[in-house]
Structures are given as C-alpha cells and as structure tokens.
Amino acid sequence: PIFARRITEKSSKIITHKKVTDVRMFQKNGQVHYRVELETGEIMESPSVIFGTGRIPSICSSTPPAKIKYLGFKAHFEGIDTAGALQMHTLPSAYLGISPVEEGVVNIACLAKIELFNSFGSVEKLMKHFLSLPKSHSLRATFSKGKMIFPKWMTVHAPAFSQKTTPQWKQAYFIGDAAGAINPATGEGLSIALSTGKMLAEYALKKDQKGFKNAWRKKFL
C-alpha cells in the first residue's frame, strides 16, 4: 500500500490483472530502451526495467531451462488444530510444514527431492511412505485428525535454490524469484524481498545494474 501510494503521488500508473507477453530491448537516440507489451496490446517504453515476474517468452528463449531439483506440493486441511503455531517435520530427503490459514483450516506443504518423488510416482504414494516411517508418529497423529479440503494436492516443480541466469541487459534489474530462489525452510523469503528492494533502489538511482547483480550475489550466495 505504501509503495502504491507513492507511485500514484508521482502521477504514475499501476496496471493490475494484465499479463506481460513480451519484453524487447531497442536503441532510441543512441540509448538502450525497453518495450513492454501486455496481453491487451498496450505497449510501454522505458530506459530501464525491473523484473519480478515469472517466465516471459522473449526472455526464456535466451536462457537455458533450469534443472529441476525438487517437487513441492500443498493442500488445505480442516480438523487439525495447531494452536496457531507453525509445525515443521524433517523427513528423509524432504521436509513438511503445517501452518494455520484461517480458523479451522491449515496449509500443509512439503518439499521433496525430485528423485524421491519419481521413485514413488505420485504425491499420495509418497505421503503414504512418509506416514509409515517409524519416526513419523507425531505426523501420523496429526493427519489422522485432518480432512483435505482441496480436491487434490497442488504440485510444482522447483529448480535448485540459487541465483538464476538472467539476460545481460543494460539497466534491467531482476529481483525476487526472477533473480534467484532461496530454500523456503530458511524462512528468509520476506527478509530478502525487503533488503533487495532497498538495494535495488540504491543501485538503480546510480544506474549501476552490474553493481546490483554483484551485490546480490555477494550477499546471498
């Protein structure tokens, strides 16, 4: 809200619920500029650009696909009382977290090495394996009380947690998941988002894109 208010105070415009379909670099008056196209056909131009988004075709075509290292899956359950606390369970080649969402509902999320998941072939079989482990008595007790609200587990394939390979474009800044990913188990996602936002502002004002990338690497790798 604060950032949005500052943007509107500077007579700028916030566009929401619109997909970016293309980003191109071009020369204008001897300087690098960027052309951003939305799914509506609207085109915007700027001498600099900040990426904090997912896969854009024009960018992904120039970067190699990341090697998948993990499978993440989650679902909401009812009937499980965590007393408002976050639970973390370590498992062989995986970890699982249980966190409250709203009254009577918890989110159960797990991150497992892709090799482990592939050996079982489905989330249901993998979870059955986890619950059968001798040291999973606490997890079994928790699951015995719960009922899944989602029709099925939501899944996502995740690459290794590191700085991502991004195009070497002048005055193009990559932040958040567009720059790199950190293991969620560290709990540092929000901290990194805030600190890199501040770092971005400092380097963007100096038009030092390379300095920003080096500072990001030095701080988080």
Protein backbone atom coordinates (compact mmCIF):
# COMPACT_ATOMS: atom_id res chain seq x y z
CA PRO A 1 0.00 0.00 0.00
CA ILE A 2 2.80 2.47 0.83
CA PHE A 3 4.62 1.76 -2.42
CA ALA A 4 1.38 2.03 -4.40
CA ARG A 5 0.56 5.36 -2.74
CA ARG A 6 3.99 6.78 -3.59
CA ILE A 7 3.55 5.70 -7.21
CA THR A 8 0.22 7.47 -7.56
CA GLU A 9 1.63 10.55 -5.78
CA LYS A 10 4.25 10.75 -8.53
CA SER A 11 1.47 10.71 -11.17
CA SER A 12 2.43 7.22 -12.31
CA LYS A 13 0.02 4.43 -13.17
CA ILE A 14 -0.38 0.97 -11.67
CA ILE A 15 -1.64 -1.73 -14.03
CA THR A 16 -3.00 -4.93 -12.47
CA HIS A 17 -4.53 -8.18 -13.71
CA LYS A 18 -2.74 -7.87 -17.05
CA LYS A 19 -0.25 -10.40 -18.39
CA VAL A 20 3.09 -9.28 -19.84
CA THR A 21 3.51 -11.10 -23.16
CA ASP A 22 6.76 -9.64 -24.46
CA VAL A 23 9.76 -7.53 -23.45
CA ARG A 24 12.20 -6.24 -26.08
CA MET A 25 15.35 -4.13 -25.90
CA PHE A 26 15.92 -1.49 -28.59
CA GLN A 27 18.01 1.62 -29.29
CA LYS A 28 16.48 5.09 -29.00
CA ASN A 29 18.60 8.20 -29.56
CA GLY A 30 21.70 6.07 -29.07
CA GLN A 31 20.48 4.76 -25.68
CA VAL A 32 19.10 1.39 -24.60
CA HIS A 33 15.33 1.35 -24.08
CA TYR A 34 12.78 -1.37 -23.38
CA ARG A 35 9.41 -2.04 -24.93
CA VAL A 36 6.94 -3.96 -22.75
CA GLU A 37 3.82 -5.40 -24.35
CA LEU A 38 0.73 -6.51 -22.44
CA GLU A 39 -1.85 -9.10 -23.46
CA THR A 40 -4.22 -6.21 -24.22
CA GLY A 41 -1.83 -4.96 -26.91
CA GLU A 42 -0.82 -1.93 -24.83
CA ILE A 43 2.87 -1.05 -25.25
CA MET A 44 5.06 0.88 -22.80
CA GLU A 45 8.62 2.11 -23.25
CA SER A 46 11.27 2.91 -20.65
CA PRO A 47 15.08 3.35 -20.41
CA SER A 48 15.13 0.81 -17.56
CA VAL A 49 13.04 -2.13 -16.41
CA ILE A 50 12.63 -4.18 -13.23
CA PHE A 51 11.65 -7.85 -13.46
CA GLY A 52 9.97 -9.57 -10.55
CA THR A 53 7.86 -11.95 -12.56
CA GLY A 54 7.79 -15.46 -13.95
CA ARG A 55 8.55 -16.75 -17.40
CA ILE A 56 8.25 -14.30 -20.31
CA PRO A 57 8.74 -15.95 -23.75
CA SER A 58 11.17 -13.35 -25.10
CA ILE A 59 13.38 -13.76 -22.02
CA CYS A 60 13.13 -17.51 -21.57
CA SER A 61 14.14 -18.17 -25.17
CA SER A 62 17.58 -16.71 -24.40
CA THR A 63 18.18 -18.52 -21.11
CA PRO A 64 18.66 -22.27 -20.59
CA PRO A 65 15.91 -24.06 -18.67
CA ALA A 66 16.72 -24.65 -15.00
CA LYS A 67 17.34 -28.22 -13.89
CA ILE A 68 14.51 -29.46 -11.71
CA LYS A 69 15.74 -30.48 -8.25
CA TYR A 70 12.59 -30.58 -6.11
CA LEU A 71 8.87 -31.21 -6.15
CA GLY A 72 6.70 -29.05 -3.95
CA PHE A 73 3.10 -29.92 -3.07
CA LYS A 74 0.46 -28.42 -0.79
CA ALA A 75 -3.19 -28.63 0.20
CA HIS A 76 -5.54 -27.18 2.80
CA PHE A 77 -6.94 -29.37 5.56
CA GLU A 78 -9.63 -28.97 8.19
CA GLY A 79 -9.86 -30.68 11.56
CA ILE A 80 -6.21 -30.10 12.52
CA ASP A 81 -5.52 -27.81 15.48
CA THR A 82 -2.02 -26.31 15.56
CA ALA A 83 -2.86 -23.81 18.33
CA GLY A 84 -1.83 -21.07 15.93
CA ALA A 85 1.75 -22.37 15.69
CA LEU A 86 3.85 -23.43 12.73
CA GLN A 87 4.94 -27.08 12.68
CA MET A 88 7.99 -28.33 10.79
CA HIS A 89 8.69 -32.01 10.19
CA THR A 90 12.00 -33.24 8.78
CA LEU A 91 11.76 -36.30 6.57
CA PRO A 92 14.27 -38.30 4.50
CA SER A 93 15.14 -36.04 1.51
CA ALA A 94 12.18 -33.79 2.31
CA TYR A 95 10.56 -31.55 4.87
CA LEU A 96 6.93 -30.76 5.59
CA GLY A 97 5.33 -27.72 7.20
CA ILE A 98 1.89 -27.21 8.73
CA SER A 99 0.71 -23.63 9.20
CA PRO A 100 -2.66 -22.09 10.12
CA VAL A 101 -4.51 -20.29 7.30
CA GLU A 102 -7.75 -19.27 8.99
CA GLU A 103 -9.94 -20.59 11.75
CA GLY A 104 -10.28 -24.35 11.37
CA VAL A 105 -8.06 -24.54 8.26
CA VAL A 106 -4.34 -25.29 7.94
CA ASN A 107 -1.98 -25.39 5.00
CA ILE A 108 0.21 -28.47 4.64
CA ALA A 109 3.16 -28.04 2.29
CA CYS A 110 6.06 -30.33 1.52
CA LEU A 111 9.26 -30.03 -0.48
CA ALA A 112 10.97 -33.24 -1.60
CA LYS A 113 13.88 -34.12 -3.82
CA ILE A 114 12.63 -34.96 -7.29
CA GLU A 115 14.43 -38.32 -7.28
CA LEU A 116 12.47 -39.36 -4.20
CA PHE A 117 9.17 -38.31 -5.73
CA ASN A 118 9.95 -40.12 -9.00
CA SER A 119 10.63 -43.34 -7.11
CA PHE A 120 7.02 -43.30 -5.85
CA GLY A 121 5.33 -41.69 -8.85
CA SER A 122 2.58 -39.77 -7.03
CA VAL A 123 2.09 -37.47 -4.08
CA GLU A 124 -0.36 -39.89 -2.49
CA LYS A 125 2.14 -42.75 -2.52
CA LEU A 126 4.93 -40.51 -1.25
CA MET A 127 2.79 -39.25 1.64
CA LYS A 128 1.80 -42.82 2.49
CA HIS A 129 5.51 -43.64 2.67
CA PHE A 130 6.23 -40.65 4.93
CA LEU A 131 3.41 -41.55 7.31
CA SER A 132 4.62 -45.16 7.53
CA LEU A 133 8.08 -44.20 8.79
CA PRO A 134 8.80 -45.20 12.42
CA LYS A 135 9.75 -41.63 13.41
CA SER A 136 6.56 -40.14 11.92
CA HIS A 137 4.27 -40.94 14.86
CA SER A 138 3.58 -37.25 15.51
CA LEU A 139 2.83 -36.62 11.83
CA ARG A 140 0.55 -39.67 11.69
CA ALA A 141 -1.39 -38.41 14.69
CA THR A 142 -1.82 -35.01 13.04
CA PHE A 143 -3.00 -36.42 9.72
CA SER A 144 -5.42 -38.82 11.38
CA LYS A 145 -7.45 -35.81 12.56
CA GLY A 146 -7.49 -33.94 9.27
CA LYS A 147 -9.56 -33.93 6.11
CA MET A 148 -8.28 -32.47 2.85
CA ILE A 149 -10.38 -29.59 1.54
CA PHE A 150 -8.74 -29.41 -1.89
CA PRO A 151 -9.87 -31.98 -4.47
CA LYS A 152 -6.20 -32.98 -4.87
CA TRP A 153 -2.68 -31.90 -3.97
CA MET A 154 -1.33 -28.83 -5.77
CA THR A 155 2.17 -29.52 -7.15
CA VAL A 156 5.04 -27.50 -8.60
CA HIS A 157 8.48 -28.44 -9.90
CA ALA A 158 11.28 -26.31 -8.45
CA PRO A 159 14.87 -25.74 -9.58
CA ALA A 160 17.89 -25.56 -7.28
CA PHE A 161 17.93 -22.62 -4.89
CA SER A 162 20.50 -20.19 -6.28
CA GLN A 163 20.92 -17.06 -8.40
CA LYS A 164 19.29 -17.51 -11.78
CA THR A 165 20.86 -16.94 -15.18
CA THR A 166 19.37 -13.70 -16.49
CA PRO A 167 19.98 -11.75 -19.72
CA GLN A 168 22.87 -9.27 -19.66
CA TRP A 169 20.68 -6.28 -20.49
CA LYS A 170 21.73 -2.76 -19.57
CA GLN A 171 19.61 -1.15 -16.86
CA ALA A 172 17.50 -4.31 -16.49
CA TYR A 173 17.13 -5.35 -12.85
CA PHE A 174 15.93 -8.77 -11.73
CA ILE A 175 14.51 -9.06 -8.20
CA GLY A 176 12.62 -11.63 -6.13
CA ASP A 177 12.12 -15.03 -7.72
CA ALA A 178 13.18 -13.56 -11.07
CA ALA A 179 16.70 -13.11 -9.64
CA GLY A 180 17.03 -16.25 -7.60
CA ALA A 181 15.36 -18.57 -5.17
CA ILE A 182 16.08 -19.45 -1.56
CA ASN A 183 15.04 -22.59 0.25
CA PRO A 184 11.70 -21.83 1.99
CA ALA A 185 12.90 -23.74 5.08
CA THR A 186 15.20 -20.84 5.94
CA GLY A 187 12.24 -18.51 6.43
CA GLU A 188 14.24 -15.70 4.82
CA GLY A 189 11.99 -15.03 1.82
CA LEU A 190 10.38 -11.84 3.16
CA SER A 191 13.67 -10.57 4.59
CA ILE A 192 15.38 -10.98 1.23
CA ALA A 193 12.49 -9.29 -0.57
CA LEU A 194 12.76 -6.23 1.67
CA SER A 195 16.55 -5.99 1.68
CA THR A 196 16.91 -6.47 -2.08
CA GLY A 197 14.20 -3.86 -2.69
CA LYS A 198 16.26 -1.35 -0.76
CA MET A 199 19.43 -2.50 -2.54
CA LEU A 200 17.71 -2.13 -5.92
CA ALA A 201 16.69 1.47 -5.19
CA GLU A 202 20.26 2.40 -4.27
CA TYR A 203 21.85 0.88 -7.38
CA ALA A 204 19.08 1.89 -9.81
CA LEU A 205 19.48 5.54 -8.82
CA LYS A 206 23.16 5.23 -9.78
CA LYS A 207 22.23 3.30 -12.96
CA ASP A 208 24.58 0.55 -11.79
CA GLN A 209 22.96 -2.68 -12.96
CA LYS A 210 26.19 -4.69 -12.76
CA GLY A 211 26.85 -3.41 -9.25
CA PHE A 212 23.39 -4.54 -8.15
CA LYS A 213 23.89 -8.03 -9.54
CA ASN A 214 27.30 -8.37 -7.89
CA ALA A 215 25.92 -7.08 -4.57
CA TRP A 216 23.05 -9.58 -4.76
CA ARG A 217 25.49 -12.44 -5.37
CA LYS A 218 27.81 -11.33 -2.56
CA LYS A 219 25.01 -11.02 -0.02
CA PHE A 220 23.03 -14.19 -0.73
CA LEU A 221 25.37 -16.76 -2.29
